[in-house]
């Protein structure tokens, strides 16, 4: 997790620094539905590389947005889920969904 000194002064910039990448937003979108395993996420995010997914998940875990649970099985099973902090981003993602739908609807009128 970042220290107070490492965070931008602007609260919008802080949020963007945490979830501002295309892939982090799409990972969040998926995790709002249910916990996912790594390969499930990779297959559902067309075009993401394994490295980018790994880096994004690690970053989001370090920032406290997601949790990583390793189950003691053979082979090991790892699931990613939203933390309470990640859950608090639900209204942000929902607002983005509503905006996207409204924006696309504008083109249907022409």
C-alpha atoms as a PDB file:
ATOM      1  CA  UNK A   1       0.000   0.000   0.000  1.00  0.00           C
ATOM      2  CA  UNK A   2       1.242   3.466  -0.839  1.00  0.00           C
ATOM      3  CA  UNK A   3       2.171   5.850   1.947  1.00  0.00           C
ATOM      4  CA  UNK A   4       0.389   9.185   2.356  1.00  0.00           C
ATOM      5  CA  UNK A   5       3.468  10.969   0.972  1.00  0.00           C
ATOM      6  CA  UNK A   6       3.422   8.820  -2.177  1.00  0.00           C
ATOM      7  CA  UNK A   7      -0.187   9.673  -3.025  1.00  0.00           C
ATOM      8  CA  UNK A   8      -1.083  12.678  -5.175  1.00  0.00           C
ATOM      9  CA  UNK A   9      -2.671  15.680  -3.455  1.00  0.00           C
ATOM     10  CA  UNK A  10      -5.671  15.525  -5.783  1.00  0.00           C
ATOM     11  CA  UNK A  11      -8.215  12.834  -4.791  1.00  0.00           C
ATOM     12  CA  UNK A  12      -9.122  12.181  -8.437  1.00  0.00           C
ATOM     13  CA  UNK A  13      -5.451  11.658  -9.255  1.00  0.00           C
ATOM     14  CA  UNK A  14      -5.217   9.253  -6.311  1.00  0.00           C
ATOM     15  CA  UNK A  15      -8.088   7.173  -7.693  1.00  0.00           C
ATOM     16  CA  UNK A  16      -6.596   7.224 -11.194  1.00  0.00           C
ATOM     17  CA  UNK A  17      -3.242   6.075  -9.820  1.00  0.00           C
ATOM     18  CA  UNK A  18      -4.955   3.070  -8.228  1.00  0.00           C
ATOM     19  CA  UNK A  19      -7.333   1.958 -10.997  1.00  0.00           C
ATOM     20  CA  UNK A  20      -6.544   4.171 -13.973  1.00  0.00           C
ATOM     21  CA  UNK A  21      -5.227   1.563 -16.370  1.00  0.00           C
ATOM     22  CA  UNK A  22      -7.505  -0.093 -18.902  1.00  0.00           C
ATOM     23  CA  UNK A  23      -6.722  -3.537 -17.559  1.00  0.00           C
ATOM     24  CA  UNK A  24      -7.246  -2.713 -13.886  1.00  0.00           C
ATOM     25  CA  UNK A  25     -10.705  -1.358 -14.645  1.00  0.00           C
ATOM     26  CA  UNK A  26     -11.634  -4.487 -16.583  1.00  0.00           C
ATOM     27  CA  UNK A  27     -10.258  -6.723 -13.820  1.00  0.00           C
ATOM     28  CA  UNK A  28     -12.377  -4.775 -11.317  1.00  0.00           C
ATOM     29  CA  UNK A  29     -15.418  -5.155 -13.578  1.00  0.00           C
ATOM     30  CA  UNK A  30     -14.993  -8.934 -13.524  1.00  0.00           C
ATOM     31  CA  UNK A  31     -14.300  -9.155  -9.799  1.00  0.00           C
ATOM     32  CA  UNK A  32     -17.490  -7.211  -9.054  1.00  0.00           C
ATOM     33  CA  UNK A  33     -19.377 -10.306 -10.212  1.00  0.00           C
ATOM     34  CA  UNK A  34     -17.470 -13.023  -8.307  1.00  0.00           C
ATOM     35  CA  UNK A  35     -13.974 -14.239  -7.370  1.00  0.00           C
ATOM     36  CA  UNK A  36     -11.888 -15.342 -10.348  1.00  0.00           C
ATOM     37  CA  UNK A  37      -8.889 -17.575 -10.886  1.00  0.00           C
ATOM     38  CA  UNK A  38      -5.887 -16.263 -12.815  1.00  0.00           C
ATOM     39  CA  UNK A  39      -6.481 -18.233 -16.033  1.00  0.00           C
ATOM     40  CA  UNK A  40     -10.179 -17.361 -16.009  1.00  0.00           C
ATOM     41  CA  UNK A  41      -9.283 -13.683 -15.886  1.00  0.00           C
ATOM     42  CA  UNK A  42      -6.671 -14.047 -18.627  1.00  0.00           C
ATOM     43  CA  UNK A  43      -9.137 -15.793 -20.947  1.00  0.00           C
ATOM     44  CA  UNK A  44     -11.883 -13.240 -20.268  1.00  0.00           C
ATOM     45  CA  UNK A  45      -9.642 -10.214 -20.972  1.00  0.00           C
ATOM     46  CA  UNK A  46      -8.944 -10.423 -24.681  1.00  0.00           C
ATOM     47  CA  UNK A  47      -5.485  -9.081 -25.470  1.00  0.00           C
ATOM     48  CA  UNK A  48      -3.985  -8.973 -21.975  1.00  0.00           C
ATOM     49  CA  UNK A  49      -0.576 -10.581 -21.577  1.00  0.00           C
ATOM     50  CA  UNK A  50       0.253 -12.853 -18.680  1.00  0.00           C
ATOM     51  CA  UNK A  51       2.844 -10.342 -17.446  1.00  0.00           C
ATOM     52  CA  UNK A  52       0.440  -7.393 -17.496  1.00  0.00           C
ATOM     53  CA  UNK A  53      -2.239  -9.414 -15.693  1.00  0.00           C
ATOM     54  CA  UNK A  54       0.274 -10.575 -13.079  1.00  0.00           C
ATOM     55  CA  UNK A  55       1.609  -7.054 -12.561  1.00  0.00           C
ATOM     56  CA  UNK A  56      -1.899  -5.566 -12.356  1.00  0.00           C
ATOM     57  CA  UNK A  57      -3.090  -8.149  -9.838  1.00  0.00           C
ATOM     58  CA  UNK A  58       0.020  -7.700  -7.685  1.00  0.00           C
ATOM     59  CA  UNK A  59      -0.344  -3.925  -7.754  1.00  0.00           C
ATOM     60  CA  UNK A  60      -4.024  -4.070  -6.854  1.00  0.00           C
ATOM     61  CA  UNK A  61      -3.287  -6.511  -4.031  1.00  0.00           C
ATOM     62  CA  UNK A  62      -0.515  -4.264  -2.680  1.00  0.00           C
ATOM     63  CA  UNK A  63      -2.914  -1.299  -2.818  1.00  0.00           C
ATOM     64  CA  UNK A  64      -5.521  -3.252  -0.839  1.00  0.00           C
ATOM     65  CA  UNK A  65      -8.094  -3.329  -3.631  1.00  0.00           C
ATOM     66  CA  UNK A  66      -8.153  -7.098  -4.097  1.00  0.00           C
ATOM     67  CA  UNK A  67      -7.361 -10.156  -2.032  1.00  0.00           C
ATOM     68  CA  UNK A  68      -5.460 -13.228  -3.155  1.00  0.00           C
ATOM     69  CA  UNK A  69      -6.414 -16.530  -1.552  1.00  0.00           C
ATOM     70  CA  UNK A  70      -4.246 -19.615  -2.018  1.00  0.00           C
ATOM     71  CA  UNK A  71      -6.035 -22.872  -1.249  1.00  0.00           C
ATOM     72  CA  UNK A  72      -3.879 -25.746   0.070  1.00  0.00           C
ATOM     73  CA  UNK A  73      -4.618 -28.172  -2.760  1.00  0.00           C
ATOM     74  CA  UNK A  74      -2.585 -30.001  -5.359  1.00  0.00           C
ATOM     75  CA  UNK A  75      -2.295 -28.300  -7.747  1.00  0.00           C
ATOM     76  CA  UNK A  76      -2.631 -25.055  -5.772  1.00  0.00           C
ATOM     77  CA  UNK A  77      -5.769 -23.054  -6.454  1.00  0.00           C
ATOM     78  CA  UNK A  78      -5.541 -19.267  -6.256  1.00  0.00           C
ATOM     79  CA  UNK A  79      -8.546 -16.952  -6.346  1.00  0.00           C
ATOM     80  CA  UNK A  80      -8.702 -13.198  -6.600  1.00  0.00           C
ATOM     81  CA  UNK A  81     -11.584 -11.266  -5.084  1.00  0.00           C
ATOM     82  CA  UNK A  82     -12.411  -7.696  -4.173  1.00  0.00           C
ATOM     83  CA  UNK A  83     -11.463  -6.516  -0.710  1.00  0.00           C
ATOM     84  CA  UNK A  84     -13.801  -4.234   1.221  1.00  0.00           C
ATOM     85  CA  UNK A  85     -11.902  -1.302  -0.280  1.00  0.00           C
ATOM     86  CA  UNK A  86     -12.375  -2.768  -3.755  1.00  0.00           C
ATOM     87  CA  UNK A  87     -16.084  -3.246  -3.087  1.00  0.00           C
ATOM     88  CA  UNK A  88     -16.313   0.448  -2.257  1.00  0.00           C
ATOM     89  CA  UNK A  89     -15.429   1.136  -5.901  1.00  0.00           C
ATOM     90  CA  UNK A  90     -18.647  -0.509  -7.105  1.00  0.00           C
ATOM     91  CA  UNK A  91     -20.462   2.856  -7.567  1.00  0.00           C
ATOM     92  CA  UNK A  92     -17.534   4.205  -9.616  1.00  0.00           C
ATOM     93  CA  UNK A  93     -17.623   1.241 -12.004  1.00  0.00           C
ATOM     94  CA  UNK A  94     -21.435   1.361 -12.139  1.00  0.00           C
ATOM     95  CA  UNK A  95     -21.309   5.069 -13.064  1.00  0.00           C
ATOM     96  CA  UNK A  96     -18.845   4.246 -15.838  1.00  0.00           C
ATOM     97  CA  UNK A  97     -21.201   1.518 -17.099  1.00  0.00           C
ATOM     98  CA  UNK A  98     -24.172   3.909 -17.138  1.00  0.00           C
ATOM     99  CA  UNK A  99     -22.139   6.568 -18.939  1.00  0.00           C
ATOM    100  CA  UNK A 100     -20.947   4.033 -21.527  1.00  0.00           C
ATOM    101  CA  UNK A 101     -24.490   2.805 -22.193  1.00  0.00           C
ATOM    102  CA  UNK A 102     -25.814   6.376 -22.488  1.00  0.00           C
ATOM    103  CA  UNK A 103     -22.968   7.328 -24.814  1.00  0.00           C
ATOM    104  CA  UNK A 104     -23.573   4.332 -27.077  1.00  0.00           C
ATOM    105  CA  UNK A 105     -27.299   5.082 -27.103  1.00  0.00           C
ATOM    106  CA  UNK A 106     -26.612   8.534 -28.571  1.00  0.00           C
ATOM    107  CA  UNK A 107     -25.323   6.864 -31.722  1.00  0.00           C
ATOM    108  CA  UNK A 108     -28.504   4.810 -32.088  1.00  0.00           C
ATOM    109  CA  UNK A 109     -30.477   8.057 -32.495  1.00  0.00           C
ATOM    110  CA  UNK A 110     -28.666   9.051 -35.677  1.00  0.00           C
END
